[in-house]
Amino acid sequence: MIKLNIVLLEPEIPQNTGNIGRTCNAMGAVLHLVEPLGFSIEDKYLKRAGLDYWKELNVKYYKNYKDFLEKNPRGQKVYLSRKGSNRCDQFAYDNQVYLIFGKESVGLPEEILMENQDSCIRVPMAFNSRSLNLANTVAILSYEVMRQHAFTGLKIEGMRRSK
């Protein structure tokens, strides 16, 4: 069974984190929040974007990136950056994967990217585009991981028409 983990390193915008929480809920994923956060967990915008899903969400909190790594030594760590050399759809995701995203304003720190070059992926975009919205990018990559694992654990059938 696939164990999808979404890691937000120092997220800044509560609405993005709320929307990402909804995506995690839909994917059966764990949300990992690495401090410092640019908002309070009690933020009304976080709760509004997360709707009633937030209270059902499996969220883990960490003091910093080192704390996250120490508490999660196993599993494939995959880093998202427009500087990544691997296309997200051509990268093989393990059964236990941590998709790691940087803060909205600057992305992941350069030193993390340099230490993990083989595990850095990117989403193809138009040449004149700098970046995608963080919540949208999390959704794109979450679905790509689940697609590669045949959407295991997700409801894949819709309504059936009666004849």
N, C-alpha and C. Protein backbone atom coordinates (compact mmCIF):
# COMPACT_ATOMS: atom_id res chain seq x y z
N MET A 1 0.85 -1.18 0.00
CA MET A 1 0.00 0.00 0.00
C MET A 1 0.89 1.25 0.00
N ILE A 2 0.48 2.25 -0.69
CA ILE A 2 1.22 3.50 -0.81
C ILE A 2 1.03 4.35 0.45
N LYS A 3 2.12 4.92 0.92
CA LYS A 3 2.08 5.86 2.05
C LYS A 3 2.58 7.20 1.53
N LEU A 4 1.65 8.07 1.21
CA LEU A 4 1.97 9.38 0.67
C LEU A 4 2.06 10.39 1.80
N ASN A 5 3.15 11.15 1.80
CA ASN A 5 3.39 12.19 2.79
C ASN A 5 3.68 13.50 2.07
N ILE A 6 3.02 14.56 2.50
CA ILE A 6 3.26 15.90 1.96
C ILE A 6 3.96 16.72 3.04
N VAL A 7 5.13 17.26 2.68
CA VAL A 7 5.94 18.02 3.64
C VAL A 7 6.01 19.46 3.16
N LEU A 8 5.58 20.38 4.02
CA LEU A 8 5.67 21.81 3.72
C LEU A 8 6.75 22.41 4.62
N LEU A 9 7.81 22.86 4.00
CA LEU A 9 8.92 23.47 4.72
C LEU A 9 8.67 24.96 4.86
N GLU A 10 8.33 25.39 6.06
CA GLU A 10 8.09 26.79 6.38
C GLU A 10 7.03 27.45 5.50
N PRO A 11 5.83 26.87 5.43
CA PRO A 11 4.78 27.48 4.60
C PRO A 11 4.42 28.86 5.12
N GLU A 12 4.03 29.74 4.20
CA GLU A 12 3.76 31.15 4.54
C GLU A 12 2.30 31.56 4.42
N ILE A 13 1.53 30.88 3.58
CA ILE A 13 0.18 31.33 3.25
C ILE A 13 -0.85 30.34 3.78
N PRO A 14 -1.66 30.76 4.75
CA PRO A 14 -2.60 29.83 5.38
C PRO A 14 -3.61 29.22 4.41
N GLN A 15 -4.07 29.98 3.42
CA GLN A 15 -5.03 29.44 2.46
C GLN A 15 -4.43 28.27 1.67
N ASN A 16 -3.17 28.39 1.29
CA ASN A 16 -2.51 27.28 0.59
C ASN A 16 -2.46 26.05 1.47
N THR A 17 -2.05 26.23 2.72
CA THR A 17 -1.94 25.10 3.63
C THR A 17 -3.30 24.46 3.87
N GLY A 18 -4.34 25.27 3.98
CA GLY A 18 -5.69 24.74 4.13
C GLY A 18 -6.11 23.91 2.93
N ASN A 19 -5.86 24.44 1.73
CA ASN A 19 -6.19 23.68 0.51
C ASN A 19 -5.37 22.39 0.41
N ILE A 20 -4.11 22.47 0.79
CA ILE A 20 -3.24 21.29 0.77
C ILE A 20 -3.77 20.24 1.75
N GLY A 21 -4.27 20.70 2.89
CA GLY A 21 -4.88 19.78 3.85
C GLY A 21 -6.05 19.03 3.23
N ARG A 22 -6.86 19.72 2.46
CA ARG A 22 -7.99 19.07 1.77
C ARG A 22 -7.50 18.03 0.77
N THR A 23 -6.43 18.36 0.05
CA THR A 23 -5.85 17.39 -0.89
C THR A 23 -5.31 16.19 -0.14
N CYS A 24 -4.62 16.42 0.96
CA CYS A 24 -4.10 15.30 1.77
C CYS A 24 -5.24 14.41 2.23
N ASN A 25 -6.33 15.01 2.66
CA ASN A 25 -7.48 14.24 3.10
C ASN A 25 -8.00 13.36 1.96
N ALA A 26 -8.10 13.92 0.76
CA ALA A 26 -8.60 13.17 -0.39
C ALA A 26 -7.66 12.04 -0.82
N MET A 27 -6.37 12.21 -0.55
CA MET A 27 -5.35 11.23 -0.94
C MET A 27 -5.06 10.21 0.16
N GLY A 28 -5.57 10.45 1.35
CA GLY A 28 -5.20 9.62 2.49
C GLY A 28 -3.76 9.86 2.90
N ALA A 29 -3.26 11.06 2.65
CA ALA A 29 -1.87 11.41 2.91
C ALA A 29 -1.71 12.07 4.28
N VAL A 30 -0.50 12.00 4.79
CA VAL A 30 -0.13 12.69 6.02
C VAL A 30 0.46 14.05 5.63
N LEU A 31 0.08 15.09 6.35
CA LEU A 31 0.63 16.42 6.13
C LEU A 31 1.66 16.70 7.22
N HIS A 32 2.88 17.05 6.80
CA HIS A 32 3.97 17.38 7.72
C HIS A 32 4.26 18.87 7.58
N LEU A 33 4.17 19.61 8.69
CA LEU A 33 4.43 21.04 8.68
C LEU A 33 5.71 21.32 9.45
N VAL A 34 6.69 21.91 8.74
CA VAL A 34 7.99 22.20 9.32
C VAL A 34 8.06 23.69 9.65
N GLU A 35 8.27 23.99 10.91
CA GLU A 35 8.33 25.39 11.38
C GLU A 35 9.63 26.06 10.96
N PRO A 36 9.62 27.38 10.96
CA PRO A 36 8.54 28.26 11.41
C PRO A 36 7.43 28.38 10.35
N LEU A 37 6.21 28.46 10.84
CA LEU A 37 5.06 28.67 9.97
C LEU A 37 4.81 30.17 9.85
N GLY A 38 4.35 30.60 8.71
CA GLY A 38 4.08 32.02 8.48
C GLY A 38 2.70 32.44 8.95
N PHE A 39 2.06 31.62 9.78
CA PHE A 39 0.70 31.87 10.24
C PHE A 39 0.44 31.00 11.46
N SER A 40 -0.67 31.26 12.13
CA SER A 40 -1.09 30.45 13.27
C SER A 40 -1.98 29.31 12.77
N ILE A 41 -1.88 28.18 13.41
CA ILE A 41 -2.76 27.05 13.08
C ILE A 41 -4.21 27.40 13.37
N GLU A 42 -4.43 28.40 14.19
CA GLU A 42 -5.79 28.87 14.50
C GLU A 42 -6.29 29.88 13.46
N ASP A 43 -5.49 30.19 12.45
CA ASP A 43 -5.82 31.19 11.44
C ASP A 43 -7.17 30.90 10.78
N LYS A 44 -8.02 31.91 10.67
CA LYS A 44 -9.35 31.73 10.08
C LYS A 44 -9.27 31.37 8.60
N TYR A 45 -8.24 31.85 7.90
CA TYR A 45 -8.10 31.54 6.48
C TYR A 45 -7.68 30.09 6.27
N LEU A 46 -6.84 29.59 7.16
CA LEU A 46 -6.46 28.18 7.12
C LEU A 46 -7.70 27.31 7.31
N LYS A 47 -8.47 27.63 8.31
CA LYS A 47 -9.66 26.84 8.61
C LYS A 47 -10.71 26.96 7.50
N ARG A 48 -10.84 28.15 6.93
CA ARG A 48 -11.83 28.32 5.87
C ARG A 48 -11.43 27.51 4.63
N ALA A 49 -10.15 27.56 4.25
CA ALA A 49 -9.70 26.80 3.08
C ALA A 49 -9.74 25.31 3.35
N GLY A 50 -9.45 24.91 4.58
CA GLY A 50 -9.43 23.49 4.94
C GLY A 50 -10.81 22.93 5.24
N LEU A 51 -11.79 23.82 5.38
CA LEU A 51 -13.16 23.44 5.72
C LEU A 51 -13.18 22.49 6.91
N ASP A 52 -14.11 21.55 6.92
CA ASP A 52 -14.20 20.62 8.04
C ASP A 52 -13.22 19.45 7.93
N TYR A 53 -12.41 19.43 6.86
CA TYR A 53 -11.43 18.37 6.69
C TYR A 53 -10.27 18.48 7.67
N TRP A 54 -9.99 19.70 8.13
CA TRP A 54 -8.80 19.92 8.95
C TRP A 54 -8.81 19.08 10.21
N LYS A 55 -9.96 18.94 10.84
CA LYS A 55 -10.02 18.19 12.11
C LYS A 55 -9.84 16.69 11.88
N GLU A 56 -10.04 16.21 10.67
CA GLU A 56 -9.86 14.79 10.36
C GLU A 56 -8.47 14.49 9.80
N LEU A 57 -7.71 15.50 9.54
CA LEU A 57 -6.42 15.38 8.88
C LEU A 57 -5.34 14.87 9.83
N ASN A 58 -4.45 14.02 9.31
CA ASN A 58 -3.29 13.55 10.07
C ASN A 58 -2.17 14.56 9.81
N VAL A 59 -1.92 15.45 10.79
CA VAL A 59 -0.91 16.50 10.66
C VAL A 59 0.17 16.28 11.70
N LYS A 60 1.41 16.38 11.27
CA LYS A 60 2.56 16.28 12.17
C LYS A 60 3.35 17.58 12.08
N TYR A 61 3.88 18.01 13.21
CA TYR A 61 4.60 19.28 13.30
C TYR A 61 6.05 19.04 13.71
N TYR A 62 6.96 19.87 13.17
CA TYR A 62 8.38 19.75 13.44
C TYR A 62 8.97 21.12 13.73
N LYS A 63 9.97 21.15 14.60
CA LYS A 63 10.63 22.41 14.96
C LYS A 63 11.42 22.99 13.80
N ASN A 64 12.01 22.11 12.98
CA ASN A 64 12.82 22.52 11.84
C ASN A 64 13.03 21.32 10.91
N TYR A 65 13.75 21.53 9.83
CA TYR A 65 13.97 20.48 8.84
C TYR A 65 14.77 19.31 9.42
N LYS A 66 15.76 19.61 10.24
CA LYS A 66 16.56 18.56 10.88
C LYS A 66 15.67 17.67 11.75
N ASP A 67 14.76 18.26 12.50
CA ASP A 67 13.81 17.53 13.33
C ASP A 67 12.95 16.61 12.46
N PHE A 68 12.49 17.12 11.33
CA PHE A 68 11.71 16.29 10.40
C PHE A 68 12.51 15.08 9.94
N LEU A 69 13.76 15.29 9.49
CA LEU A 69 14.59 14.19 9.00
C LEU A 69 14.87 13.16 10.09
N GLU A 70 15.13 13.63 11.31
CA GLU A 70 15.41 12.71 12.42
C GLU A 70 14.21 11.84 12.75
N LYS A 71 13.02 12.41 12.65
CA LYS A 71 11.80 11.66 13.00
C LYS A 71 11.26 10.84 11.84
N ASN A 72 11.81 11.01 10.65
CA ASN A 72 11.36 10.28 9.46
C ASN A 72 12.57 9.77 8.69
N PRO A 73 13.34 8.85 9.28
CA PRO A 73 14.58 8.41 8.61
C PRO A 73 14.34 7.52 7.40
N ARG A 74 13.22 6.85 7.35
CA ARG A 74 12.92 5.93 6.24
C ARG A 74 12.02 6.62 5.23
N GLY A 75 11.94 6.02 4.06
CA GLY A 75 11.06 6.53 3.02
C GLY A 75 11.80 7.40 2.02
N GLN A 76 11.31 7.40 0.82
CA GLN A 76 11.89 8.18 -0.28
C GLN A 76 11.57 9.66 -0.09
N LYS A 77 12.58 10.48 -0.11
CA LYS A 77 12.40 11.93 -0.01
C LYS A 77 12.54 12.51 -1.42
N VAL A 78 11.51 13.23 -1.86
CA VAL A 78 11.48 13.82 -3.19
C VAL A 78 11.25 15.32 -3.03
N TYR A 79 12.09 16.11 -3.69
CA TYR A 79 12.10 17.56 -3.51
C TYR A 79 11.59 18.24 -4.77
N LEU A 80 10.63 19.14 -4.60
CA LEU A 80 10.09 19.84 -5.75
C LEU A 80 10.78 21.19 -5.92
N SER A 81 11.24 21.42 -7.16
CA SER A 81 11.85 22.71 -7.48
C SER A 81 11.80 22.91 -8.99
N ARG A 82 11.63 24.15 -9.42
CA ARG A 82 11.71 24.43 -10.86
C ARG A 82 13.12 24.18 -11.37
N LYS A 83 14.08 24.06 -10.45
CA LYS A 83 15.47 23.77 -10.80
C LYS A 83 15.74 22.28 -10.91
N GLY A 84 14.76 21.45 -10.56
CA GLY A 84 14.94 20.01 -10.59
C GLY A 84 15.23 19.50 -11.99
N SER A 85 16.04 18.45 -12.08
CA SER A 85 16.40 17.91 -13.39
C SER A 85 15.49 16.77 -13.83
N ASN A 86 14.65 16.27 -12.95
CA ASN A 86 13.75 15.16 -13.28
C ASN A 86 12.32 15.66 -13.46
N ARG A 87 11.69 15.27 -14.55
CA ARG A 87 10.28 15.60 -14.75
C ARG A 87 9.43 14.77 -13.81
N CYS A 88 8.41 15.37 -13.24
CA CYS A 88 7.59 14.68 -12.24
C CYS A 88 6.90 13.43 -12.78
N ASP A 89 6.58 13.40 -14.06
CA ASP A 89 5.89 12.24 -14.63
C ASP A 89 6.86 11.14 -15.08
N GLN A 90 8.15 11.41 -15.06
CA GLN A 90 9.14 10.42 -15.46
C GLN A 90 9.96 9.92 -14.28
N PHE A 91 9.57 10.29 -13.09
CA PHE A 91 10.26 9.92 -11.87
C PHE A 91 9.51 8.76 -11.23
N ALA A 92 10.23 7.77 -10.71
CA ALA A 92 9.60 6.60 -10.07
C ALA A 92 9.46 6.85 -8.56
N TYR A 93 8.24 6.80 -8.08
CA TYR A 93 7.94 7.05 -6.67
C TYR A 93 7.79 5.73 -5.93
N ASP A 94 8.45 5.63 -4.77
CA ASP A 94 8.39 4.43 -3.95
C ASP A 94 7.03 4.32 -3.25
N ASN A 95 6.84 3.21 -2.53
CA ASN A 95 5.60 3.00 -1.78
C ASN A 95 5.47 3.91 -0.57
N GLN A 96 6.59 4.36 -0.03
CA GLN A 96 6.57 5.34 1.06
C GLN A 96 7.36 6.55 0.58
N VAL A 97 6.62 7.60 0.25
CA VAL A 97 7.25 8.77 -0.35
C VAL A 97 6.88 10.03 0.42
N TYR A 98 7.88 10.91 0.56
CA TYR A 98 7.69 12.23 1.16
C TYR A 98 7.94 13.25 0.06
N LEU A 99 6.89 13.95 -0.36
CA LEU A 99 7.02 15.03 -1.32
C LEU A 99 7.29 16.30 -0.53
N ILE A 100 8.45 16.92 -0.75
CA ILE A 100 8.89 18.04 0.07
C ILE A 100 8.85 19.33 -0.75
N PHE A 101 8.12 20.31 -0.21
CA PHE A 101 7.90 21.59 -0.88
C PHE A 101 8.44 22.72 -0.01
N GLY A 102 9.01 23.73 -0.65
CA GLY A 102 9.53 24.90 0.05
C GLY A 102 8.48 25.96 0.25
N LYS A 103 8.88 27.04 0.90
CA LYS A 103 7.95 28.13 1.15
C LYS A 103 7.58 28.83 -0.16
N GLU A 104 6.42 29.43 -0.15
CA GLU A 104 5.86 30.03 -1.37
C GLU A 104 6.76 31.09 -1.98
N SER A 105 7.42 31.90 -1.18
CA SER A 105 8.18 33.04 -1.70
C SER A 105 9.50 32.66 -2.35
N VAL A 106 10.17 31.62 -1.86
CA VAL A 106 11.51 31.31 -2.37
C VAL A 106 11.76 29.84 -2.67
N GLY A 107 10.82 28.98 -2.37
CA GLY A 107 11.03 27.55 -2.62
C GLY A 107 11.94 26.92 -1.58
N LEU A 108 12.55 25.80 -1.96
CA LEU A 108 13.45 25.08 -1.06
C LEU A 108 14.82 25.74 -1.03
N PRO A 109 15.49 25.68 0.12
CA PRO A 109 16.84 26.23 0.20
C PRO A 109 17.80 25.55 -0.77
N GLU A 110 18.70 26.33 -1.33
CA GLU A 110 19.65 25.85 -2.32
C GLU A 110 20.48 24.66 -1.80
N GLU A 111 20.87 24.72 -0.52
CA GLU A 111 21.70 23.63 0.02
C GLU A 111 20.95 22.30 0.05
N ILE A 112 19.66 22.32 0.32
CA ILE A 112 18.86 21.09 0.29
C ILE A 112 18.80 20.55 -1.13
N LEU A 113 18.60 21.44 -2.10
CA LEU A 113 18.55 21.01 -3.50
C LEU A 113 19.88 20.42 -3.95
N MET A 114 20.98 21.06 -3.57
CA MET A 114 22.30 20.58 -3.98
C MET A 114 22.62 19.21 -3.36
N GLU A 115 22.20 18.99 -2.12
CA GLU A 115 22.45 17.72 -1.44
C GLU A 115 21.59 16.58 -1.97
N ASN A 116 20.53 16.91 -2.70
CA ASN A 116 19.55 15.90 -3.13
C ASN A 116 19.22 16.01 -4.62
N GLN A 117 20.21 16.32 -5.44
CA GLN A 117 19.97 16.58 -6.85
C GLN A 117 19.24 15.45 -7.58
N ASP A 118 19.58 14.22 -7.26
CA ASP A 118 18.96 13.09 -7.96
C ASP A 118 17.49 12.91 -7.58
N SER A 119 17.08 13.51 -6.48
CA SER A 119 15.70 13.39 -6.02
C SER A 119 14.91 14.68 -6.18
N CYS A 120 15.42 15.60 -7.00
CA CYS A 120 14.71 16.85 -7.27
C CYS A 120 13.89 16.71 -8.54
N ILE A 121 12.62 17.05 -8.44
CA ILE A 121 11.74 16.95 -9.59
C ILE A 121 11.14 18.31 -9.91
N ARG A 122 10.58 18.41 -11.10
CA ARG A 122 9.94 19.65 -11.51
C ARG A 122 8.66 19.32 -12.29
N VAL A 123 7.76 20.27 -12.31
CA VAL A 123 6.54 20.19 -13.11
C VAL A 123 6.78 21.02 -14.36
N PRO A 124 6.61 20.45 -15.54
CA PRO A 124 6.80 21.24 -16.77
C PRO A 124 5.84 22.44 -16.82
N MET A 125 6.39 23.57 -17.27
CA MET A 125 5.61 24.81 -17.38
C MET A 125 6.07 25.58 -18.62
N ALA A 126 5.32 26.59 -18.97
CA ALA A 126 5.71 27.48 -20.07
C ALA A 126 7.03 28.17 -19.71
N PHE A 127 7.81 28.50 -20.71
CA PHE A 127 9.13 29.11 -20.50
C PHE A 127 9.08 30.41 -19.72
N ASN A 128 8.03 31.21 -19.91
CA ASN A 128 7.96 32.51 -19.23
C ASN A 128 7.31 32.44 -17.86
N SER A 129 6.99 31.23 -17.38
CA SER A 129 6.36 31.07 -16.07
C SER A 129 7.40 30.73 -15.01
N ARG A 130 7.35 31.45 -13.88
CA ARG A 130 8.30 31.21 -12.78
C ARG A 130 7.89 30.05 -11.91
N SER A 131 6.58 29.98 -11.59
CA SER A 131 6.14 28.95 -10.67
C SER A 131 4.63 28.76 -10.74
N LEU A 132 4.19 27.68 -10.13
CA LEU A 132 2.77 27.39 -9.96
C LEU A 132 2.39 27.68 -8.50
N ASN A 133 1.12 27.84 -8.24
CA ASN A 133 0.65 27.97 -6.88
C ASN A 133 0.99 26.69 -6.11
N LEU A 134 1.44 26.83 -4.87
CA LEU A 134 1.86 25.69 -4.07
C LEU A 134 0.77 24.64 -3.92
N ALA A 135 -0.44 25.05 -3.60
CA ALA A 135 -1.53 24.09 -3.42
C ALA A 135 -1.81 23.32 -4.72
N ASN A 136 -1.75 24.01 -5.85
CA ASN A 136 -1.96 23.33 -7.14
C ASN A 136 -0.84 22.34 -7.42
N THR A 137 0.38 22.71 -7.10
CA THR A 137 1.52 21.84 -7.34
C THR A 137 1.44 20.59 -6.47
N VAL A 138 1.04 20.75 -5.22
CA VAL A 138 0.86 19.59 -4.35
C VAL A 138 -0.18 18.64 -4.94
N ALA A 139 -1.27 19.20 -5.45
CA ALA A 139 -2.32 18.35 -6.04
C ALA A 139 -1.80 17.62 -7.28
N ILE A 140 -1.11 18.33 -8.15
CA ILE A 140 -0.55 17.70 -9.36
C ILE A 140 0.34 16.52 -8.99
N LEU A 141 1.27 16.75 -8.07
CA LEU A 141 2.23 15.69 -7.71
C LEU A 141 1.59 14.57 -6.91
N SER A 142 0.64 14.88 -6.06
CA SER A 142 -0.05 13.84 -5.30
C SER A 142 -0.77 12.88 -6.25
N TYR A 143 -1.44 13.43 -7.23
CA TYR A 143 -2.15 12.59 -8.17
C TYR A 143 -1.19 11.81 -9.07
N GLU A 144 -0.04 12.37 -9.39
CA GLU A 144 0.94 11.63 -10.19
C GLU A 144 1.48 10.44 -9.40
N VAL A 145 1.79 10.65 -8.13
CA VAL A 145 2.25 9.54 -7.30
C VAL A 145 1.17 8.46 -7.24
N MET A 146 -0.05 8.86 -6.96
CA MET A 146 -1.14 7.87 -6.86
C MET A 146 -1.42 7.21 -8.20
N ARG A 147 -1.29 7.94 -9.30
CA ARG A 147 -1.49 7.34 -10.63
C ARG A 147 -0.47 6.24 -10.85
N GLN A 148 0.79 6.51 -10.50
CA GLN A 148 1.84 5.49 -10.68
C GLN A 148 1.60 4.26 -9.82
N HIS A 149 0.81 4.40 -8.77
CA HIS A 149 0.48 3.28 -7.89
C HIS A 149 -0.97 2.84 -8.10
N ALA A 150 -1.49 3.07 -9.30
CA ALA A 150 -2.83 2.63 -9.72
C ALA A 150 -3.93 3.13 -8.78
N PHE A 151 -3.73 4.29 -8.17
CA PHE A 151 -4.70 4.90 -7.26
C PHE A 151 -5.10 3.96 -6.12
N THR A 152 -4.17 3.13 -5.70
CA THR A 152 -4.41 2.17 -4.62
C THR A 152 -4.92 2.89 -3.37
N GLY A 153 -6.02 2.38 -2.83
CA GLY A 153 -6.60 2.95 -1.61
C GLY A 153 -7.57 4.09 -1.85
N LEU A 154 -7.74 4.51 -3.10
CA LEU A 154 -8.68 5.60 -3.40
C LEU A 154 -9.92 5.07 -4.10
N LYS A 155 -11.01 5.76 -3.92
CA LYS A 155 -12.24 5.42 -4.64
C LYS A 155 -12.02 5.80 -6.09
N ILE A 156 -12.09 4.83 -6.99
CA ILE A 156 -11.80 5.11 -8.39
C ILE A 156 -13.00 5.02 -9.30
N GLU A 157 -14.11 4.54 -8.77
CA GLU A 157 -15.30 4.43 -9.61
C GLU A 157 -16.28 5.54 -9.26
N GLY A 158 -16.94 6.07 -10.29
CA GLY A 158 -17.95 7.09 -10.08
C GLY A 158 -19.35 6.46 -10.11
N MET A 159 -20.32 7.30 -10.35
CA MET A 159 -21.71 6.82 -10.43
C MET A 159 -21.88 5.95 -11.67
N ARG A 160 -22.74 4.99 -11.54
CA ARG A 160 -23.08 4.14 -12.69
C ARG A 160 -24.46 4.51 -13.17
N ARG A 161 -24.58 4.58 -14.47
CA ARG A 161 -25.89 4.88 -15.05
C ARG A 161 -26.78 3.65 -15.00
N SER A 162 -28.03 3.88 -14.66
CA SER A 162 -28.98 2.76 -14.70
C SER A 162 -29.51 2.63 -16.12
N LYS A 163 -29.76 1.41 -16.51
CA LYS A 163 -30.22 1.16 -17.89
C LYS A 163 -31.70 1.13 -17.99
